[in-house]
Amino acid sequence: MSSKTKNSLDKLNKMLEFKSEREKTRLEEELLHLKFITSIEEIMDQKEVNRTELAILLNSSKSYVSQLFSGYKMINIRTLSKIQKAFNVTFRIQVIDNRKFEFQKVSCGLHKKFSIKDYPKTEKDRLYNLSTYPKNKEKIPA
């Protein structure tokens, strides 16, 4: 790695550093809020409900709903409960330990060499075979 690239990466890392633990916590709060708001928007799209109608369903002001969607106000448990009841949905909570990552082996058949035994033998095999095979033996571009 060249010294110029290393200096650029160092500058970028310095810009992305959190100034304090409070700043990092605030970002995490906003990201969690955004996950809920995104889910709520999806529900609203499915149910064809706009923000004004949502305010009526929640028995709150249009201003409050607008502030939630703009990120000016953070969503709270009471509001989430009202949304669940209004739309007859349940928010699923899942806890994931971020310290335990499990990598899975991923196989890619894109560059697999096919042989004659890979092709279906009978018409019945062709109908029920979900794999696709190259029509010619040329290499598939990467």
Protein backbone atom coordinates (compact mmCIF):
# COMPACT_ATOMS: atom_id res chain seq x y z
CA MET A 1 0.00 0.00 0.00
CA SER A 2 1.44 3.34 -0.98
CA SER A 3 2.03 6.03 1.64
CA LYS A 4 -0.44 8.31 -0.16
CA THR A 5 -3.19 5.66 0.07
CA LYS A 6 -2.33 5.01 3.72
CA ASN A 7 -2.53 8.74 4.51
CA SER A 8 -5.89 8.97 2.76
CA LEU A 9 -7.23 5.99 4.72
CA ASP A 10 -5.95 7.47 7.97
CA LYS A 11 -7.70 10.77 7.22
CA LEU A 12 -10.93 8.96 6.36
CA ASN A 13 -10.79 6.89 9.56
CA LYS A 14 -10.16 10.02 11.59
CA MET A 15 -13.22 11.72 10.03
CA LEU A 16 -15.38 8.68 10.82
CA GLU A 17 -14.24 8.38 14.44
CA PHE A 18 -16.70 9.21 17.17
CA LYS A 19 -15.73 12.19 19.30
CA SER A 20 -17.35 10.65 22.38
CA GLU A 21 -19.23 7.59 23.54
CA ARG A 22 -22.37 9.74 23.69
CA GLU A 23 -22.03 10.52 19.98
CA LYS A 24 -21.75 6.81 19.18
CA THR A 25 -24.78 5.99 21.35
CA ARG A 26 -26.80 8.74 19.64
CA LEU A 27 -26.04 7.26 16.21
CA GLU A 28 -27.12 3.81 17.39
CA GLU A 29 -30.39 5.29 18.72
CA GLU A 30 -31.07 6.98 15.41
CA LEU A 31 -30.34 3.79 13.45
CA LEU A 32 -32.72 1.79 15.66
CA HIS A 33 -35.37 4.49 15.23
CA LEU A 34 -34.85 4.37 11.46
CA LYS A 35 -35.39 0.59 11.42
CA PHE A 36 -38.78 1.02 13.11
CA ILE A 37 -39.79 3.94 10.89
CA THR A 38 -38.87 1.97 7.76
CA SER A 39 -41.01 -0.95 8.93
CA ILE A 40 -43.89 1.39 9.74
CA GLU A 41 -43.67 2.97 6.28
CA GLU A 42 -43.84 -0.49 4.71
CA ILE A 43 -46.95 -1.31 6.76
CA MET A 44 -48.51 2.02 5.77
CA ASP A 45 -47.82 1.30 2.09
CA GLN A 46 -49.41 -2.14 2.36
CA LYS A 47 -52.46 -0.78 4.18
CA GLU A 48 -52.59 2.34 1.97
CA VAL A 49 -52.50 4.69 4.95
CA ASN A 50 -50.92 8.14 4.75
CA ARG A 51 -49.35 10.10 7.61
CA THR A 52 -52.46 12.13 8.33
CA GLU A 53 -54.50 8.94 8.66
CA LEU A 54 -51.77 7.47 10.85
CA ALA A 55 -52.03 10.45 13.19
CA ILE A 56 -55.78 9.82 13.50
CA LEU A 57 -55.21 6.10 14.17
CA LEU A 58 -52.65 6.93 16.86
CA ASN A 59 -54.82 9.66 18.37
CA SER A 60 -51.95 12.10 18.00
CA SER A 61 -51.21 15.23 16.01
CA LYS A 62 -50.02 15.35 12.40
CA SER A 63 -47.07 17.35 13.68
CA TYR A 64 -45.98 14.52 16.00
CA VAL A 65 -46.16 11.96 13.20
CA SER A 66 -44.20 14.28 10.93
CA GLN A 67 -41.53 14.70 13.61
CA LEU A 68 -41.26 10.92 13.97
CA PHE A 69 -40.71 10.43 10.26
CA SER A 70 -38.24 13.30 10.01
CA GLY A 71 -36.22 11.95 12.95
CA TYR A 72 -36.76 15.06 15.04
CA LYS A 73 -38.54 12.93 17.66
CA MET A 74 -37.66 9.35 18.58
CA ILE A 75 -40.38 6.72 18.54
CA ASN A 76 -41.31 5.33 21.94
CA ILE A 77 -42.77 2.06 23.18
CA ARG A 78 -46.25 3.56 23.68
CA THR A 79 -46.38 4.68 20.04
CA LEU A 80 -45.11 1.30 18.83
CA SER A 81 -47.86 -0.37 20.86
CA LYS A 82 -50.49 1.89 19.29
CA ILE A 83 -49.17 1.10 15.81
CA GLN A 84 -49.33 -2.63 16.50
CA LYS A 85 -52.93 -2.29 17.61
CA ALA A 86 -53.96 0.06 14.78
CA PHE A 87 -52.54 -2.15 12.02
CA ASN A 88 -53.06 -5.52 13.72
CA VAL A 89 -49.35 -6.33 13.50
CA THR A 90 -46.65 -7.38 15.93
CA PHE A 91 -43.10 -6.10 15.93
CA ARG A 92 -40.71 -9.02 16.32
CA ILE A 93 -37.69 -8.42 18.50
CA GLN A 94 -34.56 -10.42 17.86
CA VAL A 95 -31.40 -10.23 19.90
CA ILE A 96 -28.14 -10.93 18.10
CA ASP A 97 -24.80 -11.11 19.88
CA ASN A 98 -22.57 -8.94 17.70
CA ARG A 99 -19.45 -10.57 19.11
CA LYS A 100 -20.36 -13.95 17.65
CA PHE A 101 -20.18 -14.00 13.90
CA GLU A 102 -20.57 -17.27 12.11
CA PHE A 103 -19.33 -17.34 8.59
CA GLN A 104 -20.89 -19.85 6.29
CA LYS A 105 -19.26 -21.39 3.28
CA VAL A 106 -20.82 -19.94 0.17
CA SER A 107 -20.52 -21.87 -3.06
CA CYS A 108 -20.89 -20.33 -6.44
CA GLY A 109 -21.59 -22.51 -9.46
CA LEU A 110 -20.94 -19.71 -11.92
CA HIS A 111 -17.53 -21.00 -12.96
CA LYS A 112 -18.30 -24.66 -12.49
CA LYS A 113 -17.24 -26.87 -15.35
CA PHE A 114 -20.20 -28.86 -16.61
CA SER A 115 -19.96 -32.37 -17.87
CA ILE A 116 -22.39 -34.46 -19.86
CA LYS A 117 -23.71 -36.08 -16.66
CA ASP A 118 -24.90 -32.63 -15.46
CA TYR A 119 -27.46 -32.40 -18.26
CA PRO A 120 -30.93 -33.94 -17.76
CA LYS A 121 -31.28 -37.38 -19.29
CA THR A 122 -35.02 -37.55 -19.93
CA GLU A 123 -37.83 -35.13 -20.65
CA LYS A 124 -39.14 -35.70 -17.12
CA ASP A 125 -35.75 -34.71 -15.66
CA ARG A 126 -35.80 -31.53 -17.76
CA LEU A 127 -39.24 -30.56 -16.46
CA TYR A 128 -38.35 -30.92 -12.79
CA ASN A 129 -34.77 -29.74 -12.87
CA LEU A 130 -34.53 -26.25 -11.43
CA SER A 131 -30.88 -25.70 -12.38
CA THR A 132 -29.96 -23.89 -15.57
CA TYR A 133 -27.10 -25.06 -17.70
CA PRO A 134 -25.10 -23.19 -20.29
CA LYS A 135 -26.21 -23.85 -23.86
CA ASN A 136 -22.66 -24.00 -25.17
CA LYS A 137 -19.37 -24.95 -23.63
CA GLU A 138 -17.88 -21.46 -23.88
CA LYS A 139 -16.69 -19.84 -20.69
CA ILE A 140 -19.19 -17.69 -18.86
CA PRO A 141 -17.83 -14.13 -18.57
CA ALA A 142 -16.97 -13.08 -15.02
